[in-house]
Amino acid sequence: MNQKDLLTIVVTVFLTIIAWVIIELNGIAQATPTDTDVEAVTLNYTIDTSLLDILEKRTP
């Protein structure tokens, strides 16, 4: 194996790894939801304070 063949193999492997990394990063970027993709959930709740009033009136 001469030097030209070795250089061809090294460059091919290097470019393959670079392409693989770019494709993986692109896939991760597309799979990650952005702020516009996530819906905001509003919490509408009420607290019944009648139980708290009953507990305040009790004496130990």
Protein backbone atom coordinates (compact mmCIF):
# COMPACT_ATOMS: atom_id res chain seq x y z
CA MET A 1 0.00 0.00 0.00
CA ASN A 2 1.57 3.26 -1.05
CA GLN A 3 1.16 6.71 0.37
CA LYS A 4 -1.48 7.80 -2.16
CA ASP A 5 -3.77 4.88 -1.26
CA LEU A 6 -3.38 5.59 2.44
CA LEU A 7 -4.20 9.28 1.91
CA THR A 8 -7.33 8.34 -0.05
CA ILE A 9 -8.52 6.05 2.74
CA VAL A 10 -7.83 8.65 5.45
CA VAL A 11 -9.63 11.43 3.56
CA THR A 12 -12.61 9.15 2.84
CA VAL A 13 -12.93 8.13 6.49
CA PHE A 14 -12.56 11.74 7.65
CA LEU A 15 -15.25 13.02 5.27
CA THR A 16 -17.56 10.15 6.24
CA ILE A 17 -17.24 11.00 9.94
CA ILE A 18 -17.82 14.71 9.28
CA ALA A 19 -20.94 13.94 7.22
CA TRP A 20 -22.19 11.57 9.93
CA VAL A 21 -21.80 14.23 12.63
CA ILE A 22 -23.57 16.86 10.52
CA ILE A 23 -26.48 14.50 9.80
CA GLU A 24 -26.82 13.59 13.49
CA LEU A 25 -26.77 17.25 14.58
CA ASN A 26 -29.40 18.07 11.98
CA GLY A 27 -31.61 15.23 13.24
CA ILE A 28 -31.25 16.40 16.83
CA ALA A 29 -32.11 19.97 15.86
CA GLN A 30 -35.27 18.83 14.07
CA ALA A 31 -36.36 16.54 16.93
CA THR A 32 -35.96 19.19 19.64
CA PRO A 33 -39.17 21.20 20.18
CA THR A 34 -38.89 24.97 20.14
CA ASP A 35 -40.85 27.48 22.18
CA THR A 36 -43.40 27.85 19.41
CA ASP A 37 -43.96 24.07 19.30
CA VAL A 38 -44.71 23.78 23.02
CA GLU A 39 -48.19 24.87 24.01
CA ALA A 40 -48.56 26.86 27.19
CA VAL A 41 -50.94 25.34 29.72
CA THR A 42 -52.90 27.68 31.93
CA LEU A 43 -53.77 26.44 35.38
CA ASN A 44 -57.23 27.51 36.46
CA TYR A 45 -57.90 26.27 39.95
CA THR A 46 -59.86 27.38 42.97
CA ILE A 47 -59.13 26.69 46.58
CA ASP A 48 -62.01 25.87 48.90
CA THR A 49 -61.23 27.74 52.11
CA SER A 50 -64.18 26.43 54.07
CA LEU A 51 -62.11 23.50 55.35
CA LEU A 52 -59.41 25.92 56.53
CA ASP A 53 -62.03 27.94 58.40
CA ILE A 54 -63.32 24.81 60.15
CA LEU A 55 -59.79 23.81 61.15
CA GLU A 56 -59.09 27.29 62.56
CA LYS A 57 -62.19 27.09 64.78
CA ARG A 58 -61.19 23.76 66.31
CA THR A 59 -59.27 23.82 69.55
CA PRO A 60 -56.87 21.09 70.56
